[in-house]
PDB file of all heavy atoms in Angstrom:
ATOM      1  N   VAL A   1      20.216   1.187   3.777  1.00  0.00           N
ATOM      2  CA  VAL A   1      20.277   0.612   2.383  1.00  0.00           C
ATOM      3  C   VAL A   1      20.778   1.660   1.400  1.00  0.00           C
ATOM      4  O   VAL A   1      21.599   1.334   0.533  1.00  0.00           O
ATOM      5  CB  VAL A   1      18.955   0.053   1.996  1.00  0.00           C
ATOM      6  CG1 VAL A   1      18.948  -0.418   0.487  1.00  0.00           C
ATOM      7  CG2 VAL A   1      18.562  -1.151   2.902  1.00  0.00           C
ATOM      8  N   GLU A   2      20.294   2.888   1.569  1.00  0.00           N
ATOM      9  CA  GLU A   2      20.744   3.942   0.664  1.00  0.00           C
ATOM     10  C   GLU A   2      22.218   4.204   0.844  1.00  0.00           C
ATOM     11  O   GLU A   2      22.953   4.426  -0.155  1.00  0.00           O
ATOM     12  CB  GLU A   2      19.984   5.166   1.001  1.00  0.00           C
ATOM     13  CG  GLU A   2      18.503   5.123   0.455  1.00  0.00           C
ATOM     14  CD  GLU A   2      17.707   6.411   0.870  1.00  0.00           C
ATOM     15  OE1 GLU A   2      18.085   7.156   1.912  1.00  0.00           O
ATOM     16  OE2 GLU A   2      16.728   6.736   0.187  1.00  0.00           O
ATOM     17  N   GLY A   3      22.759   4.085   2.060  1.00  0.00           N
ATOM     18  CA  GLY A   3      24.181   4.278   2.283  1.00  0.00           C
ATOM     19  C   GLY A   3      25.022   3.226   1.672  1.00  0.00           C
ATOM     20  O   GLY A   3      26.083   3.508   1.086  1.00  0.00           O
ATOM     21  N   LEU A   4      24.458   1.975   1.734  1.00  0.00           N
ATOM     22  CA  LEU A   4      25.201   0.877   1.113  1.00  0.00           C
ATOM     23  C   LEU A   4      25.270   1.031  -0.429  1.00  0.00           C
ATOM     24  O   LEU A   4      26.295   0.707  -1.055  1.00  0.00           O
ATOM     25  CB  LEU A   4      24.547  -0.487   1.451  1.00  0.00           C
ATOM     26  CG  LEU A   4      24.653  -1.007   2.867  1.00  0.00           C
ATOM     27  CD1 LEU A   4      23.868  -2.283   3.006  1.00  0.00           C
ATOM     28  CD2 LEU A   4      26.124  -1.214   3.238  1.00  0.00           C
ATOM     29  N   SER A   5      24.117   1.466  -0.944  1.00  0.00           N
ATOM     30  CA  SER A   5      24.085   1.464  -2.410  1.00  0.00           C
ATOM     31  C   SER A   5      24.386   2.825  -3.011  1.00  0.00           C
ATOM     32  O   SER A   5      24.388   3.002  -4.294  1.00  0.00           O
ATOM     33  CB  SER A   5      22.682   1.051  -2.866  1.00  0.00           C
ATOM     34  OG  SER A   5      21.676   1.933  -2.313  1.00  0.00           O
ATOM     35  N   ASP A   6      24.582   3.844  -2.155  1.00  0.00           N
ATOM     36  CA  ASP A   6      24.821   5.189  -2.663  1.00  0.00           C
ATOM     37  C   ASP A   6      23.713   5.697  -3.577  1.00  0.00           C
ATOM     38  O   ASP A   6      23.924   6.223  -4.677  1.00  0.00           O
ATOM     39  CB  ASP A   6      26.208   5.330  -3.348  1.00  0.00           C
ATOM     40  CG  ASP A   6      26.616   6.740  -3.532  1.00  0.00           C
ATOM     41  OD1 ASP A   6      26.221   7.585  -2.699  1.00  0.00           O
ATOM     42  OD2 ASP A   6      27.376   7.087  -4.478  1.00  0.00           O
ATOM     43  N   THR A   7      22.454   5.375  -3.209  1.00  0.00           N
ATOM     44  CA  THR A   7      21.285   5.581  -4.031  1.00  0.00           C
ATOM     45  C   THR A   7      20.209   6.081  -3.140  1.00  0.00           C
ATOM     46  O   THR A   7      20.108   5.727  -1.991  1.00  0.00           O
ATOM     47  CB  THR A   7      20.764   4.343  -4.704  1.00  0.00           C
ATOM     48  OG1 THR A   7      21.829   3.729  -5.525  1.00  0.00           O
ATOM     49  CG2 THR A   7      19.607   4.627  -5.614  1.00  0.00           C
ATOM     50  N   THR A   8      19.399   7.072  -3.580  1.00  0.00           N
ATOM     51  CA  THR A   8      18.205   7.486  -2.909  1.00  0.00           C
ATOM     52  C   THR A   8      17.023   6.657  -3.364  1.00  0.00           C
ATOM     53  O   THR A   8      16.705   6.647  -4.556  1.00  0.00           O
ATOM     54  CB  THR A   8      17.942   9.001  -3.109  1.00  0.00           C
ATOM     55  OG1 THR A   8      19.014   9.733  -2.587  1.00  0.00           O
ATOM     56  CG2 THR A   8      16.671   9.427  -2.399  1.00  0.00           C
ATOM     57  N   LEU A   9      16.404   6.004  -2.434  1.00  0.00           N
ATOM     58  CA  LEU A   9      15.274   5.107  -2.826  1.00  0.00           C
ATOM     59  C   LEU A   9      13.977   5.914  -2.899  1.00  0.00           C
ATOM     60  O   LEU A   9      13.586   6.582  -1.911  1.00  0.00           O
ATOM     61  CB  LEU A   9      15.105   4.013  -1.763  1.00  0.00           C
ATOM     62  CG  LEU A   9      16.416   3.157  -1.612  1.00  0.00           C
ATOM     63  CD1 LEU A   9      16.143   2.147  -0.451  1.00  0.00           C
ATOM     64  CD2 LEU A   9      16.673   2.381  -2.855  1.00  0.00           C
ATOM     65  N   PRO A  10      13.304   5.883  -4.016  1.00  0.00           N
ATOM     66  CA  PRO A  10      12.118   6.748  -4.216  1.00  0.00           C
ATOM     67  C   PRO A  10      10.973   6.329  -3.324  1.00  0.00           C
ATOM     68  O   PRO A  10      10.069   7.165  -3.029  1.00  0.00           O
ATOM     69  CB  PRO A  10      11.768   6.553  -5.697  1.00  0.00           C
ATOM     70  CG  PRO A  10      12.378   5.211  -6.100  1.00  0.00           C
ATOM     71  CD  PRO A  10      13.557   5.104  -5.227  1.00  0.00           C
ATOM     72  N   TRP A  11      10.905   5.142  -2.796  1.00  0.00           N
ATOM     73  CA  TRP A  11       9.798   4.631  -2.013  1.00  0.00           C
ATOM     74  C   TRP A  11      10.158   4.716  -0.523  1.00  0.00           C
ATOM     75  O   TRP A  11       9.318   4.295   0.257  1.00  0.00           O
ATOM     76  CB  TRP A  11       9.435   3.219  -2.375  1.00  0.00           C
ATOM     77  CG  TRP A  11      10.612   2.323  -2.537  1.00  0.00           C
ATOM     78  CD1 TRP A  11      11.244   1.961  -3.679  1.00  0.00           C
ATOM     79  CD2 TRP A  11      11.315   1.666  -1.521  1.00  0.00           C
ATOM     80  NE1 TRP A  11      12.266   1.209  -3.474  1.00  0.00           N
ATOM     81  CE2 TRP A  11      12.382   0.949  -2.157  1.00  0.00           C
ATOM     82  CE3 TRP A  11      11.225   1.591  -0.153  1.00  0.00           C
ATOM     83  CZ2 TRP A  11      13.315   0.163  -1.454  1.00  0.00           C
ATOM     84  CZ3 TRP A  11      12.143   0.818   0.552  1.00  0.00           C
ATOM     85  CH2 TRP A  11      13.214   0.100  -0.107  1.00  0.00           C
ATOM     86  N   GLY A  12      11.210   5.297  -0.180  1.00  0.00           N
ATOM     87  CA  GLY A  12      11.643   5.328   1.251  1.00  0.00           C
ATOM     88  C   GLY A  12      11.387   6.636   1.991  1.00  0.00           C
ATOM     89  O   GLY A  12      12.201   6.983   2.849  1.00  0.00           O
ATOM     90  N   ARG A  13      10.328   7.368   1.566  1.00  0.00           N
ATOM     91  CA  ARG A  13      10.107   8.681   2.194  1.00  0.00           C
ATOM     92  C   ARG A  13       9.197   8.583   3.391  1.00  0.00           C
ATOM     93  O   ARG A  13       9.325   9.328   4.376  1.00  0.00           O
ATOM     94  CB  ARG A  13       9.459   9.607   1.142  1.00  0.00           C
ATOM     95  CG  ARG A  13      10.224   9.822  -0.069  1.00  0.00           C
ATOM     96  CD  ARG A  13      11.637  10.402   0.200  1.00  0.00           C
ATOM     97  NE  ARG A  13      12.611   9.271   0.107  1.00  0.00           N
ATOM     98  CZ  ARG A  13      13.842   9.372   0.638  1.00  0.00           C
ATOM     99  NH1 ARG A  13      14.229  10.403   1.275  1.00  0.00           N
ATOM    100  NH2 ARG A  13      14.620   8.318   0.499  1.00  0.00           N
ATOM    101  N   THR A  14       8.266   7.576   3.484  1.00  0.00           N
ATOM    102  CA  THR A  14       7.362   7.462   4.571  1.00  0.00           C
ATOM    103  C   THR A  14       7.460   6.077   5.099  1.00  0.00           C
ATOM    104  O   THR A  14       7.824   5.149   4.431  1.00  0.00           O
ATOM    105  CB  THR A  14       5.892   7.752   4.219  1.00  0.00           C
ATOM    106  OG1 THR A  14       5.376   6.696   3.356  1.00  0.00           O
ATOM    107  CG2 THR A  14       5.723   9.134   3.479  1.00  0.00           C
ATOM    108  N   GLU A  15       7.121   5.854   6.352  1.00  0.00           N
ATOM    109  CA  GLU A  15       7.088   4.555   6.982  1.00  0.00           C
ATOM    110  C   GLU A  15       6.256   3.594   6.240  1.00  0.00           C
ATOM    111  O   GLU A  15       6.599   2.457   5.972  1.00  0.00           O
ATOM    112  CB  GLU A  15       6.661   4.706   8.405  1.00  0.00           C
ATOM    113  CG  GLU A  15       7.643   5.471   9.365  1.00  0.00           C
ATOM    114  CD  GLU A  15       7.098   5.835  10.657  1.00  0.00           C
ATOM    115  OE1 GLU A  15       5.822   5.712  10.797  1.00  0.00           O
ATOM    116  OE2 GLU A  15       7.892   6.165  11.611  1.00  0.00           O
ATOM    117  N   GLN A  16       4.987   4.089   5.907  1.00  0.00           N
ATOM    118  CA  GLN A  16       4.078   3.176   5.227  1.00  0.00           C
ATOM    119  C   GLN A  16       4.559   2.713   3.788  1.00  0.00           C
ATOM    120  O   GLN A  16       4.387   1.574   3.502  1.00  0.00           O
ATOM    121  CB  GLN A  16       2.647   3.829   5.095  1.00  0.00           C
ATOM    122  CG  GLN A  16       1.953   4.000   6.479  1.00  0.00           C
ATOM    123  CD  GLN A  16       2.016   2.766   7.314  1.00  0.00           C
ATOM    124  OE1 GLN A  16       1.604   1.728   6.858  1.00  0.00           O
ATOM    125  NE2 GLN A  16       2.445   2.851   8.546  1.00  0.00           N
ATOM    126  N   ASP A  17       5.082   3.687   3.067  1.00  0.00           N
ATOM    127  CA  ASP A  17       5.664   3.272   1.754  1.00  0.00           C
ATOM    128  C   ASP A  17       6.790   2.214   1.908  1.00  0.00           C
ATOM    129  O   ASP A  17       6.842   1.282   1.140  1.00  0.00           O
ATOM    130  CB  ASP A  17       6.253   4.531   1.043  1.00  0.00           C
ATOM    131  CG  ASP A  17       5.082   5.350   0.504  1.00  0.00           C
ATOM    132  OD1 ASP A  17       3.961   4.910   0.396  1.00  0.00           O
ATOM    133  OD2 ASP A  17       5.412   6.542   0.102  1.00  0.00           O
ATOM    134  N   ALA A  18       7.646   2.530   2.926  1.00  0.00           N
ATOM    135  CA  ALA A  18       8.773   1.557   3.107  1.00  0.00           C
ATOM    136  C   ALA A  18       8.254   0.187   3.530  1.00  0.00           C
ATOM    137  O   ALA A  18       8.712  -0.854   3.099  1.00  0.00           O
ATOM    138  CB  ALA A  18       9.750   2.155   4.149  1.00  0.00           C
ATOM    139  N   LEU A  19       7.278   0.119   4.414  1.00  0.00           N
ATOM    140  CA  LEU A  19       6.673  -1.148   4.848  1.00  0.00           C
ATOM    141  C   LEU A  19       6.021  -1.870   3.725  1.00  0.00           C
ATOM    142  O   LEU A  19       6.001  -3.068   3.581  1.00  0.00           O
ATOM    143  CB  LEU A  19       5.681  -0.884   5.987  1.00  0.00           C
ATOM    144  CG  LEU A  19       6.291  -0.610   7.346  1.00  0.00           C
ATOM    145  CD1 LEU A  19       5.220  -0.182   8.344  1.00  0.00           C
ATOM    146  CD2 LEU A  19       7.053  -1.865   7.961  1.00  0.00           C
ATOM    147  N   ASP A  20       5.278  -1.062   2.852  1.00  0.00           N
ATOM    148  CA  ASP A  20       4.664  -1.726   1.660  1.00  0.00           C
ATOM    149  C   ASP A  20       5.713  -2.341   0.850  1.00  0.00           C
ATOM    150  O   ASP A  20       5.498  -3.474   0.306  1.00  0.00           O
ATOM    151  CB  ASP A  20       3.919  -0.692   0.882  1.00  0.00           C
ATOM    152  CG  ASP A  20       2.625  -0.150   1.550  1.00  0.00           C
ATOM    153  OD1 ASP A  20       2.134  -0.871   2.469  1.00  0.00           O
ATOM    154  OD2 ASP A  20       2.074   0.837   1.134  1.00  0.00           O
ATOM    155  N   ARG A  21       6.786  -1.730   0.535  1.00  0.00           N
ATOM    156  CA  ARG A  21       7.871  -2.219  -0.264  1.00  0.00           C
ATOM    157  C   ARG A  21       8.528  -3.420   0.357  1.00  0.00           C
ATOM    158  O   ARG A  21       8.769  -4.467  -0.214  1.00  0.00           O
ATOM    159  CB  ARG A  21       8.925  -1.160  -0.489  1.00  0.00           C
ATOM    160  CG  ARG A  21      10.167  -1.635  -1.172  1.00  0.00           C
ATOM    161  CD  ARG A  21       9.865  -1.890  -2.655  1.00  0.00           C
ATOM    162  NE  ARG A  21      11.052  -2.195  -3.333  1.00  0.00           N
ATOM    163  CZ  ARG A  21      11.319  -2.018  -4.699  1.00  0.00           C
ATOM    164  NH1 ARG A  21      10.371  -1.443  -5.367  1.00  0.00           N
ATOM    165  NH2 ARG A  21      12.389  -2.362  -5.205  1.00  0.00           N
ATOM    166  N   TRP A  22       8.815  -3.395   1.669  1.00  0.00           N
ATOM    167  CA  TRP A  22       9.447  -4.496   2.436  1.00  0.00           C
ATOM    168  C   TRP A  22       8.635  -5.755   2.473  1.00  0.00           C
ATOM    169  O   TRP A  22       9.094  -6.811   2.447  1.00  0.00           O
ATOM    170  CB  TRP A  22       9.841  -4.027   3.733  1.00  0.00           C
ATOM    171  CG  TRP A  22      10.941  -4.806   4.413  1.00  0.00           C
ATOM    172  CD1 TRP A  22      11.826  -5.639   3.783  1.00  0.00           C
ATOM    173  CD2 TRP A  22      11.221  -4.921   5.788  1.00  0.00           C
ATOM    174  NE1 TRP A  22      12.629  -6.204   4.709  1.00  0.00           N
ATOM    175  CE2 TRP A  22      12.340  -5.739   5.908  1.00  0.00           C
ATOM    176  CE3 TRP A  22      10.735  -4.239   6.933  1.00  0.00           C
ATOM    177  CZ2 TRP A  22      12.917  -6.057   7.161  1.00  0.00           C
ATOM    178  CZ3 TRP A  22      11.349  -4.495   8.170  1.00  0.00           C
ATOM    179  CH2 TRP A  22      12.408  -5.357   8.264  1.00  0.00           C
ATOM    180  N   THR A  23       7.330  -5.573   2.556  1.00  0.00           N
ATOM    181  CA  THR A  23       6.398  -6.775   2.592  1.00  0.00           C
ATOM    182  C   THR A  23       5.876  -7.169   1.300  1.00  0.00           C
ATOM    183  O   THR A  23       5.209  -8.183   1.210  1.00  0.00           O
ATOM    184  CB  THR A  23       5.250  -6.447   3.643  1.00  0.00           C
ATOM    185  OG1 THR A  23       4.554  -5.316   3.146  1.00  0.00           O
ATOM    186  CG2 THR A  23       5.753  -6.299   5.027  1.00  0.00           C
ATOM    187  N   GLY A  24       6.206  -6.378   0.249  1.00  0.00           N
ATOM    188  CA  GLY A  24       5.718  -6.648  -1.113  1.00  0.00           C
ATOM    189  C   GLY A  24       6.849  -7.171  -1.916  1.00  0.00           C
ATOM    190  O   GLY A  24       7.134  -8.340  -2.019  1.00  0.00           O
ATOM    191  N   GLU A  25       7.517  -6.295  -2.639  1.00  0.00           N
ATOM    192  CA  GLU A  25       8.581  -6.603  -3.517  1.00  0.00           C
ATOM    193  C   GLU A  25       9.948  -6.870  -2.808  1.00  0.00           C
ATOM    194  O   GLU A  25      10.812  -7.498  -3.301  1.00  0.00           O
ATOM    195  CB  GLU A  25       8.781  -5.601  -4.610  1.00  0.00           C
ATOM    196  CG  GLU A  25       7.549  -5.472  -5.520  1.00  0.00           C
ATOM    197  CD  GLU A  25       7.761  -4.370  -6.513  1.00  0.00           C
ATOM    198  OE1 GLU A  25       8.870  -4.176  -6.963  1.00  0.00           O
ATOM    199  OE2 GLU A  25       6.751  -3.623  -6.750  1.00  0.00           O
ATOM    200  N   GLY A  26      10.067  -6.384  -1.617  1.00  0.00           N
ATOM    201  CA  GLY A  26      11.230  -6.543  -0.837  1.00  0.00           C
ATOM    202  C   GLY A  26      12.243  -5.483  -1.015  1.00  0.00           C
ATOM    203  O   GLY A  26      12.251  -4.685  -1.925  1.00  0.00           O
ATOM    204  N   PHE A  27      13.151  -5.366  -0.013  1.00  0.00           N
ATOM    205  CA  PHE A  27      14.252  -4.439  -0.047  1.00  0.00           C
ATOM    206  C   PHE A  27      15.332  -4.968  -1.004  1.00  0.00           C
ATOM    207  O   PHE A  27      15.403  -6.195  -1.251  1.00  0.00           O
ATOM    208  CB  PHE A  27      14.882  -4.305   1.361  1.00  0.00           C
ATOM    209  CG  PHE A  27      14.253  -3.231   2.204  1.00  0.00           C
ATOM    210  CD1 PHE A  27      12.884  -2.966   2.115  1.00  0.00           C
ATOM    211  CD2 PHE A  27      15.008  -2.586   3.175  1.00  0.00           C
ATOM    212  CE1 PHE A  27      12.334  -2.032   2.884  1.00  0.00           C
ATOM    213  CE2 PHE A  27      14.394  -1.651   3.957  1.00  0.00           C
ATOM    214  CZ  PHE A  27      13.123  -1.358   3.852  1.00  0.00           C
ATOM    215  N   PRO A  28      16.091  -4.098  -1.543  1.00  0.00           N
ATOM    216  CA  PRO A  28      17.230  -4.493  -2.448  1.00  0.00           C
ATOM    217  C   PRO A  28      18.204  -5.481  -1.708  1.00  0.00           C
ATOM    218  O   PRO A  28      18.904  -6.233  -2.306  1.00  0.00           O
ATOM    219  CB  PRO A  28      17.959  -3.262  -2.836  1.00  0.00           C
ATOM    220  CG  PRO A  28      16.905  -2.177  -2.671  1.00  0.00           C
ATOM    221  CD  PRO A  28      16.088  -2.617  -1.489  1.00  0.00           C
ATOM    222  N   VAL A  29      18.279  -5.371  -0.347  1.00  0.00           N
ATOM    223  CA  VAL A  29      19.314  -6.140   0.343  1.00  0.00           C
ATOM    224  C   VAL A  29      18.612  -7.214   1.146  1.00  0.00           C
ATOM    225  O   VAL A  29      19.148  -8.351   1.164  1.00  0.00           O
ATOM    226  CB  VAL A  29      20.053  -5.120   1.294  1.00  0.00           C
ATOM    227  CG1 VAL A  29      21.074  -5.982   2.146  1.00  0.00           C
ATOM    228  CG2 VAL A  29      20.798  -4.058   0.503  1.00  0.00           C
ATOM    229  N   PHE A  30      17.565  -6.932   1.845  1.00  0.00           N
ATOM    230  CA  PHE A  30      17.056  -7.852   2.911  1.00  0.00           C
ATOM    231  C   PHE A  30      15.955  -8.820   2.423  1.00  0.00           C
ATOM    232  O   PHE A  30      15.637  -9.752   3.139  1.00  0.00           O
ATOM    233  CB  PHE A  30      16.540  -7.101   4.095  1.00  0.00           C
ATOM    234  CG  PHE A  30      17.642  -6.186   4.675  1.00  0.00           C
ATOM    235  CD1 PHE A  30      17.489  -4.815   4.673  1.00  0.00           C
ATOM    236  CD2 PHE A  30      18.799  -6.794   5.161  1.00  0.00           C
ATOM    237  CE1 PHE A  30      18.472  -4.017   5.241  1.00  0.00           C
ATOM    238  CE2 PHE A  30      19.803  -6.008   5.722  1.00  0.00           C
ATOM    239  CZ  PHE A  30      19.563  -4.615   5.712  1.00  0.00           C
ATOM    240  N   GLY A  31      15.348  -8.604   1.255  1.00  0.00           N
ATOM    241  CA  GLY A  31      14.342  -9.457   0.825  1.00  0.00           C
ATOM    242  C   GLY A  31      12.929  -9.104   1.432  1.00  0.00           C
ATOM    243  O   GLY A  31      12.798  -8.144   2.124  1.00  0.00           O
ATOM    244  N   VAL A  32      12.001  -9.919   1.099  1.00  0.00           N
ATOM    245  CA  VAL A  32      10.618  -9.681   1.597  1.00  0.00           C
ATOM    246  C   VAL A  32      10.508 -10.098   3.023  1.00  0.00           C
ATOM    247  O   VAL A  32      10.841 -11.204   3.417  1.00  0.00           O
ATOM    248  CB  VAL A  32       9.613 -10.479   0.732  1.00  0.00           C
ATOM    249  CG1 VAL A  32       8.202 -10.251   1.299  1.00  0.00           C
ATOM    250  CG2 VAL A  32       9.668 -10.081  -0.675  1.00  0.00           C
ATOM    251  N   ALA A  33      10.024  -9.150   3.863  1.00  0.00           N
ATOM    252  CA  ALA A  33       9.847  -9.472   5.268  1.00  0.00           C
ATOM    253  C   ALA A  33       8.407 -10.005   5.586  1.00  0.00           C
ATOM    254  O   ALA A  33       7.498  -9.674   4.881  1.00  0.00           O
ATOM    255  CB  ALA A  33      10.039  -8.151   6.084  1.00  0.00           C
ATOM    256  N   THR A  34       8.431 -10.853   6.499  1.00  0.00           N
ATOM    257  CA  THR A  34       7.094 -11.375   6.980  1.00  0.00           C
ATOM    258  C   THR A  34       6.810 -10.506   8.256  1.00  0.00           C
ATOM    259  O   THR A  34       7.492 -10.663   9.319  1.00  0.00           O
ATOM    260  CB  THR A  34       7.176 -12.805   7.460  1.00  0.00           C
ATOM    261  OG1 THR A  34       7.524 -13.584   6.233  1.00  0.00           O
ATOM    262  CG2 THR A  34       5.849 -13.357   8.021  1.00  0.00           C
ATOM    263  N   ILE A  35       5.851  -9.596   8.145  1.00  0.00           N
ATOM    264  CA  ILE A  35       5.487  -8.758   9.260  1.00  0.00           C
ATOM    265  C   ILE A  35       4.023  -9.056   9.462  1.00  0.00           C
ATOM    266  O   ILE A  35       3.117  -8.645   8.718  1.00  0.00           O
ATOM    267  CB  ILE A  35       5.778  -7.232   8.913  1.00  0.00           C
ATOM    268  CG1 ILE A  35       7.208  -6.993   8.701  1.00  0.00           C
ATOM    269  CG2 ILE A  35       5.205  -6.359  10.012  1.00  0.00           C
ATOM    270  CD1 ILE A  35       7.514  -5.585   8.234  1.00  0.00           C
ATOM    271  N   GLY A  36       3.770  -9.764  10.556  1.00  0.00           N
ATOM    272  CA  GLY A  36       2.404 -10.219  10.821  1.00  0.00           C
ATOM    273  C   GLY A  36       2.299 -11.113  12.034  1.00  0.00           C
ATOM    274  O   GLY A  36       2.958 -10.824  13.045  1.00  0.00           O
ATOM    275  N   THR A  37       1.482 -12.147  11.955  1.00  0.00           N
ATOM    276  CA  THR A  37       1.244 -13.020  13.033  1.00  0.00           C
ATOM    277  C   THR A  37       2.055 -14.335  13.006  1.00  0.00           C
ATOM    278  O   THR A  37       2.666 -14.619  11.966  1.00  0.00           O
ATOM    279  CB  THR A  37      -0.263 -13.390  13.082  1.00  0.00           C
ATOM    280  OG1 THR A  37      -0.507 -14.187  11.923  1.00  0.00           O
ATOM    281  CG2 THR A  37      -1.129 -12.133  13.118  1.00  0.00           C
ATOM    282  N   PRO A  38       2.044 -15.110  14.070  1.00  0.00           N
ATOM    283  CA  PRO A  38       2.635 -16.413  13.978  1.00  0.00           C
ATOM    284  C   PRO A  38       2.154 -17.278  12.790  1.00  0.00           C
ATOM    285  O   PRO A  38       2.908 -18.027  12.130  1.00  0.00           O
ATOM    286  CB  PRO A  38       2.329 -17.041  15.357  1.00  0.00           C
ATOM    287  CG  PRO A  38       2.318 -15.838  16.277  1.00  0.00           C
ATOM    288  CD  PRO A  38       1.627 -14.795  15.458  1.00  0.00           C
ATOM    289  N   ALA A  39       0.834 -17.151  12.473  1.00  0.00           N
ATOM    290  CA  ALA A  39       0.290 -17.911  11.361  1.00  0.00           C
ATOM    291  C   ALA A  39       0.915 -17.480  10.111  1.00  0.00           C
ATOM    292  O   ALA A  39       1.148 -18.282   9.197  1.00  0.00           O
ATOM    293  CB  ALA A  39      -1.221 -17.730  11.364  1.00  0.00           C
ATOM    294  N   ASP A  40       1.134 -16.170   9.932  1.00  0.00           N
ATOM    295  CA  ASP A  40       1.900 -15.714   8.743  1.00  0.00           C
ATOM    296  C   ASP A  40       3.283 -16.211   8.621  1.00  0.00           C
ATOM    297  O   ASP A  40       3.716 -16.651   7.600  1.00  0.00           O
ATOM    298  CB  ASP A  40       1.963 -14.158   8.714  1.00  0.00           C
ATOM    299  CG  ASP A  40       0.564 -13.538   8.662  1.00  0.00           C
ATOM    300  OD1 ASP A  40      -0.245 -14.035   8.005  1.00  0.00           O
ATOM    301  OD2 ASP A  40       0.357 -12.464   9.329  1.00  0.00           O
ATOM    302  N   ALA A  41       3.957 -16.350   9.819  1.00  0.00           N
ATOM    303  CA  ALA A  41       5.303 -16.942   9.848  1.00  0.00           C
ATOM    304  C   ALA A  41       5.340 -18.407   9.407  1.00  0.00           C
ATOM    305  O   ALA A  41       6.192 -18.840   8.621  1.00  0.00           O
ATOM    306  CB  ALA A  41       5.953 -16.743  11.247  1.00  0.00           C
ATOM    307  N   ILE A  42       4.348 -19.127   9.964  1.00  0.00           N
ATOM    308  CA  ILE A  42       4.184 -20.525   9.514  1.00  0.00           C
ATOM    309  C   ILE A  42       4.023 -20.666   8.095  1.00  0.00           C
ATOM    310  O   ILE A  42       4.568 -21.508   7.425  1.00  0.00           O
ATOM    311  CB  ILE A  42       3.077 -21.160  10.358  1.00  0.00           C
ATOM    312  CG1 ILE A  42       3.500 -21.326  11.874  1.00  0.00           C
ATOM    313  CG2 ILE A  42       2.713 -22.524   9.824  1.00  0.00           C
ATOM    314  CD1 ILE A  42       2.337 -21.682  12.817  1.00  0.00           C
TER     315      ILE A  42
END
């Protein structure tokens, strides 16, 4: 994502920070991910 946008993302330093962002407010490109169980997907 940083390469696409030519930007350094301040929250992309650790795996946990990146996962929090991806499952919370979402990535600038991919949106909010559902990372969980089948019940979460449903």
